[in-house]
């Protein structure tokens, strides 16, 4: 599987998960785990309600640690996680 191609495809697609005002819950983490196992590279969008309370970078790092994944990219309130590390494409 070519993770660079998957990264490009995910970058242009709709988010797989939306992080809402309830925050990072056990249900959300298990859902992200399932999505990572299925798609290998996923996009997560944080809503304004959670993004204004906490820094998006901190949220993304916490989710990547809890799911044992790698944070590939952060753009605004949207971030991309992957099971394996790959370099960010320009």
C-alpha atoms as a PDB file:
ATOM      1  CA  UNK A   1       0.000   0.000   0.000  1.00  0.00           C
ATOM      2  CA  UNK A   2       1.378   3.385  -0.993  1.00  0.00           C
ATOM      3  CA  UNK A   3       0.736   5.753   1.893  1.00  0.00           C
ATOM      4  CA  UNK A   4       1.671   8.834  -0.160  1.00  0.00           C
ATOM      5  CA  UNK A   5      -1.144   8.117  -2.617  1.00  0.00           C
ATOM      6  CA  UNK A   6      -3.538   7.463   0.257  1.00  0.00           C
ATOM      7  CA  UNK A   7      -2.478  10.747   1.877  1.00  0.00           C
ATOM      8  CA  UNK A   8      -3.239  12.679  -1.319  1.00  0.00           C
ATOM      9  CA  UNK A   9      -6.610  10.967  -1.683  1.00  0.00           C
ATOM     10  CA  UNK A  10      -7.594  11.645   1.935  1.00  0.00           C
ATOM     11  CA  UNK A  11      -6.405  15.247   1.721  1.00  0.00           C
ATOM     12  CA  UNK A  12      -8.961  15.947  -1.016  1.00  0.00           C
ATOM     13  CA  UNK A  13     -11.816  13.896   0.464  1.00  0.00           C
ATOM     14  CA  UNK A  14     -14.432  14.539   3.132  1.00  0.00           C
ATOM     15  CA  UNK A  15     -13.522  13.937   6.812  1.00  0.00           C
ATOM     16  CA  UNK A  16     -13.950  10.395   8.130  1.00  0.00           C
ATOM     17  CA  UNK A  17     -14.676  11.558  11.703  1.00  0.00           C
ATOM     18  CA  UNK A  18     -15.915  14.771  13.289  1.00  0.00           C
ATOM     19  CA  UNK A  19     -14.764  15.687  16.782  1.00  0.00           C
ATOM     20  CA  UNK A  20     -17.653  17.443  18.502  1.00  0.00           C
ATOM     21  CA  UNK A  21     -18.231  19.303  21.731  1.00  0.00           C
ATOM     22  CA  UNK A  22     -18.249  16.113  23.808  1.00  0.00           C
ATOM     23  CA  UNK A  23     -14.515  15.892  23.133  1.00  0.00           C
ATOM     24  CA  UNK A  24     -12.274  12.864  23.149  1.00  0.00           C
ATOM     25  CA  UNK A  25     -14.312  10.021  24.614  1.00  0.00           C
ATOM     26  CA  UNK A  26     -13.691   6.290  24.689  1.00  0.00           C
ATOM     27  CA  UNK A  27     -16.341   5.806  21.996  1.00  0.00           C
ATOM     28  CA  UNK A  28     -14.632   8.361  19.750  1.00  0.00           C
ATOM     29  CA  UNK A  29     -11.227   6.692  20.220  1.00  0.00           C
ATOM     30  CA  UNK A  30     -12.641   3.248  19.414  1.00  0.00           C
ATOM     31  CA  UNK A  31     -14.324   4.686  16.305  1.00  0.00           C
ATOM     32  CA  UNK A  32     -11.036   6.266  15.171  1.00  0.00           C
ATOM     33  CA  UNK A  33      -9.260   2.927  15.762  1.00  0.00           C
ATOM     34  CA  UNK A  34     -11.802   1.122  13.565  1.00  0.00           C
ATOM     35  CA  UNK A  35     -11.471   3.748  10.836  1.00  0.00           C
ATOM     36  CA  UNK A  36      -7.662   3.557  10.921  1.00  0.00           C
ATOM     37  CA  UNK A  37      -7.739  -0.224  10.591  1.00  0.00           C
ATOM     38  CA  UNK A  38     -10.121   0.044   7.661  1.00  0.00           C
ATOM     39  CA  UNK A  39      -8.670   3.004   5.711  1.00  0.00           C
ATOM     40  CA  UNK A  40      -5.059   3.242   7.083  1.00  0.00           C
ATOM     41  CA  UNK A  41      -5.117   7.066   6.591  1.00  0.00           C
ATOM     42  CA  UNK A  42      -8.031   9.155   7.899  1.00  0.00           C
ATOM     43  CA  UNK A  43      -9.068  12.781   8.141  1.00  0.00           C
ATOM     44  CA  UNK A  44     -10.624  14.199  11.315  1.00  0.00           C
ATOM     45  CA  UNK A  45     -12.369  17.553  11.595  1.00  0.00           C
ATOM     46  CA  UNK A  46     -12.731  19.373  14.908  1.00  0.00           C
ATOM     47  CA  UNK A  47     -15.825  21.540  15.233  1.00  0.00           C
ATOM     48  CA  UNK A  48     -15.554  25.166  16.353  1.00  0.00           C
ATOM     49  CA  UNK A  49     -17.028  24.361  19.765  1.00  0.00           C
ATOM     50  CA  UNK A  50     -14.124  22.076  20.712  1.00  0.00           C
ATOM     51  CA  UNK A  51     -11.428  23.864  18.703  1.00  0.00           C
ATOM     52  CA  UNK A  52     -11.958  27.188  20.494  1.00  0.00           C
ATOM     53  CA  UNK A  53     -11.651  25.596  23.930  1.00  0.00           C
ATOM     54  CA  UNK A  54      -8.480  23.635  23.217  1.00  0.00           C
ATOM     55  CA  UNK A  55      -5.643  23.920  20.780  1.00  0.00           C
ATOM     56  CA  UNK A  56      -6.197  21.725  17.702  1.00  0.00           C
ATOM     57  CA  UNK A  57      -2.563  20.604  17.729  1.00  0.00           C
ATOM     58  CA  UNK A  58      -2.940  19.351  21.316  1.00  0.00           C
ATOM     59  CA  UNK A  59      -6.153  17.521  20.372  1.00  0.00           C
ATOM     60  CA  UNK A  60      -4.492  15.888  17.359  1.00  0.00           C
ATOM     61  CA  UNK A  61      -1.450  14.804  19.375  1.00  0.00           C
ATOM     62  CA  UNK A  62      -3.628  13.340  22.127  1.00  0.00           C
ATOM     63  CA  UNK A  63      -5.759  11.369  19.650  1.00  0.00           C
ATOM     64  CA  UNK A  64      -2.669  10.073  17.825  1.00  0.00           C
ATOM     65  CA  UNK A  65      -1.144   8.910  21.130  1.00  0.00           C
ATOM     66  CA  UNK A  66      -4.349   7.208  22.256  1.00  0.00           C
ATOM     67  CA  UNK A  67      -4.743   5.382  18.925  1.00  0.00           C
ATOM     68  CA  UNK A  68      -1.018   4.588  18.418  1.00  0.00           C
ATOM     69  CA  UNK A  69      -1.028   6.402  15.084  1.00  0.00           C
ATOM     70  CA  UNK A  70       1.045   9.130  13.443  1.00  0.00           C
ATOM     71  CA  UNK A  71      -0.044  12.719  12.934  1.00  0.00           C
ATOM     72  CA  UNK A  72       0.714  13.605   9.320  1.00  0.00           C
ATOM     73  CA  UNK A  73      -0.804  17.035   8.772  1.00  0.00           C
ATOM     74  CA  UNK A  74      -2.771  19.800  10.477  1.00  0.00           C
ATOM     75  CA  UNK A  75      -4.638  22.414   8.435  1.00  0.00           C
ATOM     76  CA  UNK A  76      -6.897  24.701  10.406  1.00  0.00           C
ATOM     77  CA  UNK A  77      -9.267  22.492  12.382  1.00  0.00           C
ATOM     78  CA  UNK A  78      -8.624  19.430  10.203  1.00  0.00           C
ATOM     79  CA  UNK A  79      -5.881  16.880  10.804  1.00  0.00           C
ATOM     80  CA  UNK A  80      -4.797  13.632   9.175  1.00  0.00           C
ATOM     81  CA  UNK A  81      -3.731  10.471  11.003  1.00  0.00           C
ATOM     82  CA  UNK A  82      -2.010   7.376   9.629  1.00  0.00           C
ATOM     83  CA  UNK A  83      -1.044   3.962  10.944  1.00  0.00           C
ATOM     84  CA  UNK A  84       2.465   4.313   9.479  1.00  0.00           C
ATOM     85  CA  UNK A  85       4.605   7.412   9.249  1.00  0.00           C
ATOM     86  CA  UNK A  86       5.016   8.994   5.828  1.00  0.00           C
ATOM     87  CA  UNK A  87       6.505  12.311   4.814  1.00  0.00           C
ATOM     88  CA  UNK A  88       4.109  15.175   4.192  1.00  0.00           C
ATOM     89  CA  UNK A  89       3.697  16.014   0.507  1.00  0.00           C
ATOM     90  CA  UNK A  90       3.968  19.633  -0.606  1.00  0.00           C
END
